[in-house]
Amino acid sequence: MIALNYINKSSAAIAAMKDYENMKLIIENTSKEVKDAYDDMFSINSAKLDGLPKAYDPKAGELKIAGCLDRIDLMQERYRQAMEYMAWFEPAWNSLTCEERRILEEFYMQNSQRSGATARLSYDLCYSETHVERLRGKSLRRLTKLLYG
């Protein structure tokens, strides 16, 4: 894989950290969303009272079922991708120390609010700001190496 030598691995690791919460949310909510889609598939719609004349569509039920099945397929594919992501990301994330995870969470996973992260961490961890920046770089390099080799 020559292409892997040319990607910016540290920015890819940052993007992976930012996706972590979204992937957890997808895994937690997909089963409920699929159940709701199955319920919607067979529910009866009430008539819309908009004053417009109605046209009879003999294939409306088929189109509704096909649309719901497409939606369910999309949700299941998204769930599969989220599970694949977790199987790839979590072992690397869990092999970091608690301090490294805390630093990376503060810089990259807290709603992308990097401003003030150095000051907050230097206060919480009793380190100087330059030491916190050094630890951030070291933690990011370690995570990048664990993810991409």
N, C-alpha and C. Protein backbone atom coordinates (compact mmCIF):
# COMPACT_ATOMS: atom_id res chain seq x y z
N MET A 1 0.83 -1.19 0.00
CA MET A 1 0.00 0.00 0.00
C MET A 1 0.87 1.25 0.00
N ILE A 2 1.25 1.68 -1.16
CA ILE A 2 2.07 2.87 -1.30
C ILE A 2 1.30 4.11 -0.86
N ALA A 3 -0.01 4.13 -1.07
CA ALA A 3 -0.81 5.30 -0.73
C ALA A 3 -0.74 5.63 0.75
N LEU A 4 -0.60 4.62 1.62
CA LEU A 4 -0.53 4.89 3.05
C LEU A 4 0.71 5.68 3.44
N ASN A 5 1.76 5.62 2.63
CA ASN A 5 2.97 6.37 2.93
C ASN A 5 2.79 7.86 2.67
N TYR A 6 1.76 8.23 1.91
CA TYR A 6 1.61 9.62 1.50
C TYR A 6 0.45 10.34 2.18
N ILE A 7 -0.30 9.67 3.04
CA ILE A 7 -1.37 10.39 3.74
C ILE A 7 -0.79 11.06 4.98
N ASN A 8 -1.43 12.12 5.39
CA ASN A 8 -1.03 12.81 6.61
C ASN A 8 -1.63 12.05 7.79
N LYS A 9 -0.85 11.23 8.41
CA LYS A 9 -1.36 10.31 9.42
C LYS A 9 -1.80 11.01 10.69
N SER A 10 -1.13 12.10 11.06
CA SER A 10 -1.54 12.77 12.30
C SER A 10 -2.90 13.46 12.13
N SER A 11 -3.14 14.08 10.99
CA SER A 11 -4.46 14.69 10.79
C SER A 11 -5.53 13.62 10.63
N ALA A 12 -5.17 12.46 10.08
CA ALA A 12 -6.12 11.35 10.01
C ALA A 12 -6.44 10.83 11.40
N ALA A 13 -5.47 10.79 12.29
CA ALA A 13 -5.71 10.35 13.67
C ALA A 13 -6.61 11.36 14.40
N ILE A 14 -6.41 12.64 14.13
CA ILE A 14 -7.28 13.67 14.73
C ILE A 14 -8.70 13.51 14.23
N ALA A 15 -8.86 13.27 12.93
CA ALA A 15 -10.20 13.07 12.37
C ALA A 15 -10.84 11.82 12.98
N ALA A 16 -10.06 10.78 13.21
CA ALA A 16 -10.59 9.56 13.83
C ALA A 16 -11.05 9.83 15.25
N MET A 17 -10.31 10.66 16.00
CA MET A 17 -10.73 11.00 17.36
C MET A 17 -12.03 11.79 17.35
N LYS A 18 -12.17 12.68 16.38
CA LYS A 18 -13.39 13.49 16.30
C LYS A 18 -14.60 12.64 15.94
N ASP A 19 -14.40 11.54 15.22
CA ASP A 19 -15.50 10.66 14.83
C ASP A 19 -15.91 9.69 15.93
N TYR A 20 -15.13 9.58 16.97
CA TYR A 20 -15.37 8.57 18.01
C TYR A 20 -16.76 8.70 18.64
N GLU A 21 -17.14 9.87 19.05
CA GLU A 21 -18.44 10.07 19.70
C GLU A 21 -19.59 9.78 18.74
N ASN A 22 -19.44 10.17 17.48
CA ASN A 22 -20.48 9.90 16.49
C ASN A 22 -20.66 8.41 16.29
N MET A 23 -19.56 7.68 16.25
CA MET A 23 -19.64 6.24 16.05
C MET A 23 -20.29 5.55 17.25
N LYS A 24 -19.99 6.01 18.46
CA LYS A 24 -20.64 5.46 19.64
C LYS A 24 -22.15 5.71 19.59
N LEU A 25 -22.52 6.91 19.16
CA LEU A 25 -23.93 7.27 19.06
C LEU A 25 -24.65 6.41 18.02
N ILE A 26 -24.00 6.15 16.89
CA ILE A 26 -24.59 5.30 15.86
C ILE A 26 -24.82 3.90 16.40
N ILE A 27 -23.85 3.36 17.11
CA ILE A 27 -23.97 2.01 17.65
C ILE A 27 -25.09 1.94 18.68
N GLU A 28 -25.22 2.97 19.50
CA GLU A 28 -26.24 2.96 20.54
C GLU A 28 -27.65 3.11 19.98
N ASN A 29 -27.83 3.88 18.90
CA ASN A 29 -29.17 4.24 18.44
C ASN A 29 -29.67 3.47 17.23
N THR A 30 -28.82 2.71 16.55
CA THR A 30 -29.25 2.09 15.30
C THR A 30 -30.36 1.08 15.50
N SER A 31 -30.30 0.27 16.54
CA SER A 31 -31.35 -0.74 16.72
C SER A 31 -32.72 -0.09 16.92
N LYS A 32 -32.77 1.01 17.63
CA LYS A 32 -34.04 1.72 17.82
C LYS A 32 -34.51 2.33 16.51
N GLU A 33 -33.58 2.90 15.73
CA GLU A 33 -33.95 3.50 14.46
C GLU A 33 -34.47 2.45 13.48
N VAL A 34 -33.85 1.27 13.46
CA VAL A 34 -34.31 0.19 12.58
C VAL A 34 -35.69 -0.28 13.01
N LYS A 35 -35.91 -0.42 14.31
CA LYS A 35 -37.23 -0.83 14.81
C LYS A 35 -38.28 0.21 14.41
N ASP A 36 -37.96 1.49 14.56
CA ASP A 36 -38.90 2.54 14.17
C ASP A 36 -39.19 2.51 12.67
N ALA A 37 -38.17 2.21 11.87
CA ALA A 37 -38.37 2.14 10.42
C ALA A 37 -39.28 0.97 10.07
N TYR A 38 -39.11 -0.17 10.75
CA TYR A 38 -40.00 -1.31 10.52
C TYR A 38 -41.43 -0.96 10.92
N ASP A 39 -41.59 -0.24 12.03
CA ASP A 39 -42.92 0.18 12.46
C ASP A 39 -43.55 1.13 11.45
N ASP A 40 -42.77 2.06 10.92
CA ASP A 40 -43.27 3.00 9.92
C ASP A 40 -43.66 2.31 8.62
N MET A 41 -42.96 1.22 8.31
CA MET A 41 -43.19 0.54 7.06
C MET A 41 -44.63 0.02 6.97
N PHE A 42 -45.16 -0.45 8.06
CA PHE A 42 -46.48 -1.07 8.03
C PHE A 42 -47.56 -0.22 8.69
N SER A 43 -47.26 1.00 9.05
CA SER A 43 -48.28 1.86 9.65
C SER A 43 -49.12 2.49 8.55
N ILE A 44 -50.32 2.84 8.91
CA ILE A 44 -51.24 3.46 7.96
C ILE A 44 -51.13 4.96 8.12
N ASN A 45 -50.97 5.65 7.00
CA ASN A 45 -50.90 7.11 7.03
C ASN A 45 -52.31 7.68 7.03
N SER A 46 -52.50 8.76 7.75
CA SER A 46 -53.80 9.43 7.74
C SER A 46 -53.85 10.36 6.53
N ALA A 47 -55.05 10.69 6.14
CA ALA A 47 -55.23 11.56 4.99
C ALA A 47 -54.76 12.97 5.32
N LYS A 48 -54.14 13.60 4.33
CA LYS A 48 -53.69 14.97 4.52
C LYS A 48 -54.83 15.91 4.12
N LEU A 49 -55.13 16.81 5.01
CA LEU A 49 -56.21 17.76 4.77
C LEU A 49 -55.62 19.07 4.25
N ASP A 50 -55.19 19.04 3.01
CA ASP A 50 -54.58 20.24 2.45
C ASP A 50 -55.45 20.90 1.39
N GLY A 51 -56.63 20.33 1.09
CA GLY A 51 -57.54 20.94 0.14
C GLY A 51 -57.27 20.59 -1.31
N LEU A 52 -56.21 19.87 -1.59
CA LEU A 52 -55.89 19.50 -2.96
C LEU A 52 -56.61 18.21 -3.32
N PRO A 53 -56.98 18.07 -4.61
CA PRO A 53 -57.63 16.82 -5.00
C PRO A 53 -56.67 15.64 -4.89
N LYS A 54 -57.21 14.50 -4.55
CA LYS A 54 -56.39 13.31 -4.34
C LYS A 54 -56.29 12.50 -5.63
N ALA A 55 -55.14 11.90 -5.84
CA ALA A 55 -54.94 11.00 -6.97
C ALA A 55 -54.67 9.61 -6.42
N TYR A 56 -55.22 8.63 -7.04
CA TYR A 56 -55.05 7.27 -6.57
C TYR A 56 -53.75 6.72 -7.15
N ASP A 57 -52.90 6.21 -6.27
CA ASP A 57 -51.64 5.59 -6.70
C ASP A 57 -51.67 4.14 -6.25
N PRO A 58 -51.85 3.21 -7.19
CA PRO A 58 -51.93 1.80 -6.78
C PRO A 58 -50.61 1.24 -6.26
N LYS A 59 -49.52 1.90 -6.51
CA LYS A 59 -48.21 1.41 -6.07
C LYS A 59 -47.68 2.17 -4.84
N ALA A 60 -48.50 2.96 -4.22
CA ALA A 60 -48.05 3.76 -3.09
C ALA A 60 -47.55 2.89 -1.94
N GLY A 61 -48.25 1.80 -1.66
CA GLY A 61 -47.81 0.90 -0.58
C GLY A 61 -46.48 0.24 -0.89
N GLU A 62 -46.32 -0.18 -2.13
CA GLU A 62 -45.05 -0.79 -2.54
C GLU A 62 -43.90 0.21 -2.44
N LEU A 63 -44.16 1.43 -2.88
CA LEU A 63 -43.12 2.46 -2.82
C LEU A 63 -42.74 2.79 -1.38
N LYS A 64 -43.72 2.79 -0.50
CA LYS A 64 -43.44 3.07 0.91
C LYS A 64 -42.59 1.96 1.51
N ILE A 65 -42.93 0.70 1.23
CA ILE A 65 -42.15 -0.41 1.76
C ILE A 65 -40.74 -0.41 1.18
N ALA A 66 -40.62 -0.14 -0.10
CA ALA A 66 -39.29 -0.10 -0.73
C ALA A 66 -38.44 1.03 -0.14
N GLY A 67 -39.06 2.18 0.09
CA GLY A 67 -38.32 3.30 0.69
C GLY A 67 -37.86 2.98 2.10
N CYS A 68 -38.72 2.33 2.88
CA CYS A 68 -38.35 1.95 4.25
C CYS A 68 -37.24 0.91 4.24
N LEU A 69 -37.30 -0.05 3.32
CA LEU A 69 -36.25 -1.06 3.25
C LEU A 69 -34.91 -0.43 2.85
N ASP A 70 -34.95 0.54 1.95
CA ASP A 70 -33.72 1.25 1.59
C ASP A 70 -33.15 1.99 2.79
N ARG A 71 -34.04 2.63 3.55
CA ARG A 71 -33.59 3.35 4.75
C ARG A 71 -32.98 2.39 5.77
N ILE A 72 -33.58 1.22 5.94
CA ILE A 72 -33.06 0.23 6.87
C ILE A 72 -31.70 -0.28 6.40
N ASP A 73 -31.55 -0.51 5.10
CA ASP A 73 -30.26 -0.94 4.56
C ASP A 73 -29.17 0.09 4.83
N LEU A 74 -29.52 1.37 4.67
CA LEU A 74 -28.55 2.44 4.94
C LEU A 74 -28.15 2.46 6.41
N MET A 75 -29.12 2.30 7.30
CA MET A 75 -28.83 2.30 8.74
C MET A 75 -27.95 1.11 9.12
N GLN A 76 -28.23 -0.05 8.52
CA GLN A 76 -27.43 -1.23 8.84
C GLN A 76 -26.01 -1.11 8.30
N GLU A 77 -25.85 -0.49 7.14
CA GLU A 77 -24.50 -0.28 6.60
C GLU A 77 -23.73 0.72 7.46
N ARG A 78 -24.41 1.75 7.91
CA ARG A 78 -23.78 2.74 8.81
C ARG A 78 -23.37 2.07 10.11
N TYR A 79 -24.21 1.18 10.62
CA TYR A 79 -23.89 0.44 11.85
C TYR A 79 -22.68 -0.46 11.63
N ARG A 80 -22.62 -1.14 10.49
CA ARG A 80 -21.49 -2.01 10.20
C ARG A 80 -20.19 -1.21 10.14
N GLN A 81 -20.24 -0.04 9.51
CA GLN A 81 -19.06 0.81 9.43
C GLN A 81 -18.64 1.31 10.81
N ALA A 82 -19.61 1.63 11.66
CA ALA A 82 -19.30 2.09 13.02
C ALA A 82 -18.66 0.97 13.84
N MET A 83 -19.15 -0.24 13.69
CA MET A 83 -18.56 -1.38 14.41
C MET A 83 -17.14 -1.65 13.91
N GLU A 84 -16.93 -1.53 12.62
CA GLU A 84 -15.59 -1.72 12.05
C GLU A 84 -14.64 -0.64 12.57
N TYR A 85 -15.13 0.60 12.64
CA TYR A 85 -14.34 1.71 13.17
C TYR A 85 -13.95 1.44 14.62
N MET A 86 -14.91 1.00 15.44
CA MET A 86 -14.63 0.75 16.86
C MET A 86 -13.63 -0.38 17.03
N ALA A 87 -13.73 -1.41 16.21
CA ALA A 87 -12.78 -2.52 16.30
C ALA A 87 -11.37 -2.06 15.93
N TRP A 88 -11.27 -1.03 15.12
CA TRP A 88 -9.97 -0.49 14.72
C TRP A 88 -9.46 0.54 15.72
N PHE A 89 -10.32 1.44 16.20
CA PHE A 89 -9.90 2.58 17.00
C PHE A 89 -9.74 2.25 18.48
N GLU A 90 -10.69 1.53 19.06
CA GLU A 90 -10.68 1.32 20.51
C GLU A 90 -9.46 0.60 21.05
N PRO A 91 -8.90 -0.42 20.39
CA PRO A 91 -7.68 -1.02 20.95
C PRO A 91 -6.52 -0.03 21.04
N ALA A 92 -6.39 0.82 20.04
CA ALA A 92 -5.33 1.83 20.09
C ALA A 92 -5.63 2.85 21.18
N TRP A 93 -6.86 3.28 21.28
CA TRP A 93 -7.25 4.28 22.28
C TRP A 93 -7.06 3.73 23.69
N ASN A 94 -7.42 2.49 23.90
CA ASN A 94 -7.32 1.89 25.24
C ASN A 94 -5.87 1.58 25.63
N SER A 95 -4.97 1.52 24.68
CA SER A 95 -3.57 1.27 25.03
C SER A 95 -2.84 2.54 25.43
N LEU A 96 -3.47 3.70 25.28
CA LEU A 96 -2.88 4.95 25.78
C LEU A 96 -3.05 5.02 27.29
N THR A 97 -2.20 5.79 27.93
CA THR A 97 -2.35 5.99 29.37
C THR A 97 -3.52 6.93 29.63
N CYS A 98 -3.99 6.95 30.85
CA CYS A 98 -5.11 7.84 31.22
C CYS A 98 -4.77 9.30 30.95
N GLU A 99 -3.53 9.68 31.26
CA GLU A 99 -3.10 11.06 31.04
C GLU A 99 -3.08 11.40 29.55
N GLU A 100 -2.61 10.49 28.73
CA GLU A 100 -2.58 10.74 27.29
C GLU A 100 -4.00 10.85 26.73
N ARG A 101 -4.89 9.98 27.18
CA ARG A 101 -6.28 10.07 26.73
C ARG A 101 -6.91 11.38 27.16
N ARG A 102 -6.66 11.79 28.39
CA ARG A 102 -7.22 13.06 28.90
C ARG A 102 -6.74 14.23 28.07
N ILE A 103 -5.47 14.25 27.74
CA ILE A 103 -4.91 15.35 26.94
C ILE A 103 -5.53 15.36 25.55
N LEU A 104 -5.59 14.21 24.92
CA LEU A 104 -6.14 14.15 23.57
C LEU A 104 -7.63 14.47 23.56
N GLU A 105 -8.36 14.02 24.57
CA GLU A 105 -9.78 14.36 24.66
C GLU A 105 -9.98 15.86 24.78
N GLU A 106 -9.18 16.49 25.62
CA GLU A 106 -9.31 17.93 25.85
C GLU A 106 -9.00 18.72 24.58
N PHE A 107 -8.00 18.29 23.84
CA PHE A 107 -7.60 19.03 22.64
C PHE A 107 -8.47 18.73 21.43
N TYR A 108 -8.89 17.49 21.25
CA TYR A 108 -9.49 17.11 19.98
C TYR A 108 -10.90 16.55 20.04
N MET A 109 -11.37 16.16 21.22
CA MET A 109 -12.66 15.49 21.27
C MET A 109 -13.73 16.28 22.02
N GLN A 110 -13.42 17.36 22.61
CA GLN A 110 -14.39 18.15 23.36
C GLN A 110 -15.08 19.16 22.45
N ASN A 111 -15.90 18.67 21.54
CA ASN A 111 -16.61 19.52 20.58
C ASN A 111 -15.66 20.42 19.81
N SER A 112 -14.47 19.94 19.57
CA SER A 112 -13.43 20.66 18.83
C SER A 112 -13.13 22.02 19.45
N GLN A 113 -13.23 22.14 20.76
CA GLN A 113 -12.95 23.39 21.47
C GLN A 113 -11.51 23.37 21.95
N ARG A 114 -10.59 23.60 21.04
CA ARG A 114 -9.18 23.54 21.40
C ARG A 114 -8.74 24.78 22.16
N SER A 115 -9.46 25.89 22.00
CA SER A 115 -9.02 27.11 22.65
C SER A 115 -9.08 26.97 24.16
N GLY A 116 -8.00 27.28 24.80
CA GLY A 116 -7.92 27.21 26.25
C GLY A 116 -7.60 25.84 26.80
N ALA A 117 -7.44 24.85 25.93
CA ALA A 117 -7.17 23.49 26.40
C ALA A 117 -5.82 23.43 27.12
N THR A 118 -4.84 24.13 26.60
CA THR A 118 -3.51 24.11 27.23
C THR A 118 -3.58 24.68 28.64
N ALA A 119 -4.26 25.80 28.80
CA ALA A 119 -4.37 26.42 30.12
C ALA A 119 -5.15 25.53 31.09
N ARG A 120 -6.26 24.94 30.61
CA ARG A 120 -7.05 24.06 31.48
C ARG A 120 -6.24 22.85 31.92
N LEU A 121 -5.53 22.26 30.99
CA LEU A 121 -4.74 21.08 31.34
C LEU A 121 -3.55 21.42 32.23
N SER A 122 -2.91 22.55 31.98
CA SER A 122 -1.78 22.92 32.83
C SER A 122 -2.25 23.17 34.26
N TYR A 123 -3.45 23.71 34.41
CA TYR A 123 -4.00 23.93 35.75
C TYR A 123 -4.39 22.59 36.39
N ASP A 124 -5.10 21.73 35.64
CA ASP A 124 -5.58 20.46 36.19
C ASP A 124 -4.45 19.48 36.49
N LEU A 125 -3.46 19.43 35.62
CA LEU A 125 -2.38 18.45 35.78
C LEU A 125 -1.15 19.00 36.48
N CYS A 126 -1.16 20.30 36.79
CA CYS A 126 -0.04 20.97 37.46
C CYS A 126 1.25 20.87 36.63
N TYR A 127 1.12 21.07 35.32
CA TYR A 127 2.27 21.11 34.42
C TYR A 127 2.34 22.50 33.80
N SER A 128 3.51 22.85 33.29
CA SER A 128 3.62 24.11 32.57
C SER A 128 2.94 23.95 31.20
N GLU A 129 2.61 25.06 30.58
CA GLU A 129 1.94 25.01 29.28
C GLU A 129 2.84 24.38 28.21
N THR A 130 4.13 24.64 28.28
CA THR A 130 5.03 24.03 27.29
C THR A 130 5.11 22.52 27.48
N HIS A 131 5.06 22.08 28.73
CA HIS A 131 5.08 20.64 29.00
C HIS A 131 3.78 19.99 28.51
N VAL A 132 2.67 20.67 28.68
CA VAL A 132 1.39 20.15 28.18
C VAL A 132 1.43 20.04 26.66
N GLU A 133 1.98 21.05 25.99
CA GLU A 133 2.10 20.99 24.52
C GLU A 133 3.00 19.84 24.09
N ARG A 134 4.09 19.64 24.82
CA ARG A 134 4.98 18.53 24.52
C ARG A 134 4.25 17.19 24.69
N LEU A 135 3.49 17.07 25.78
CA LEU A 135 2.72 15.84 26.00
C LEU A 135 1.65 15.63 24.94
N ARG A 136 1.04 16.73 24.49
CA ARG A 136 0.04 16.64 23.42
C ARG A 136 0.66 16.06 22.16
N GLY A 137 1.80 16.60 21.77
CA GLY A 137 2.48 16.11 20.58
C GLY A 137 2.90 14.66 20.71
N LYS A 138 3.41 14.32 21.89
CA LYS A 138 3.84 12.94 22.13
C LYS A 138 2.65 11.99 22.11
N SER A 139 1.55 12.39 22.73
CA SER A 139 0.36 11.55 22.76
C SER A 139 -0.22 11.36 21.37
N LEU A 140 -0.25 12.43 20.60
CA LEU A 140 -0.77 12.35 19.24
C LEU A 140 0.11 11.44 18.38
N ARG A 141 1.43 11.57 18.51
CA ARG A 141 2.33 10.71 17.75
C ARG A 141 2.14 9.24 18.14
N ARG A 142 1.94 9.00 19.44
CA ARG A 142 1.77 7.62 19.91
C ARG A 142 0.46 7.02 19.37
N LEU A 143 -0.61 7.80 19.43
CA LEU A 143 -1.89 7.32 18.90
C LEU A 143 -1.80 7.09 17.41
N THR A 144 -1.13 7.99 16.70
CA THR A 144 -0.97 7.85 15.25
C THR A 144 -0.20 6.56 14.93
N LYS A 145 0.83 6.30 15.70
CA LYS A 145 1.61 5.09 15.46
C LYS A 145 0.79 3.84 15.77
N LEU A 146 -0.02 3.89 16.82
CA LEU A 146 -0.85 2.74 17.15
C LEU A 146 -1.93 2.49 16.09
N LEU A 147 -2.43 3.58 15.51
CA LEU A 147 -3.49 3.42 14.50
C LEU A 147 -2.95 3.02 13.13
N TYR A 148 -1.87 3.67 12.72
CA TYR A 148 -1.40 3.50 11.34
C TYR A 148 -0.06 2.79 11.24
N GLY A 149 0.58 2.49 12.34
CA GLY A 149 1.84 1.76 12.31
C GLY A 149 3.04 2.63 12.05
